């Protein structure tokens, strides 16, 4: 398996962010009265929001996984 192929978590996160961005773009016309200083279709805001959400989702997966790698599997199984 190559290292460039997306992991299931990354692939599902990207799919969810893509669908969410499309939904947000479609609903932004209805929320236009609440947007101050931002056009409804401002691509920079959508890209920035998507990047922040992606980074948070990846950290939410990475931090517990990194912590789990520090535990000896035999100790974890024995304690369970």
Foldseek 3Di string as FASTA:
>chain_A
DDPPDDDPQLVVLVVVLVVVLVVQLVCLVVVVVVDDPDDSNPVVVSVVVSVVSSVVSVCVVPVVVVVVVVDDPVVVVVVD
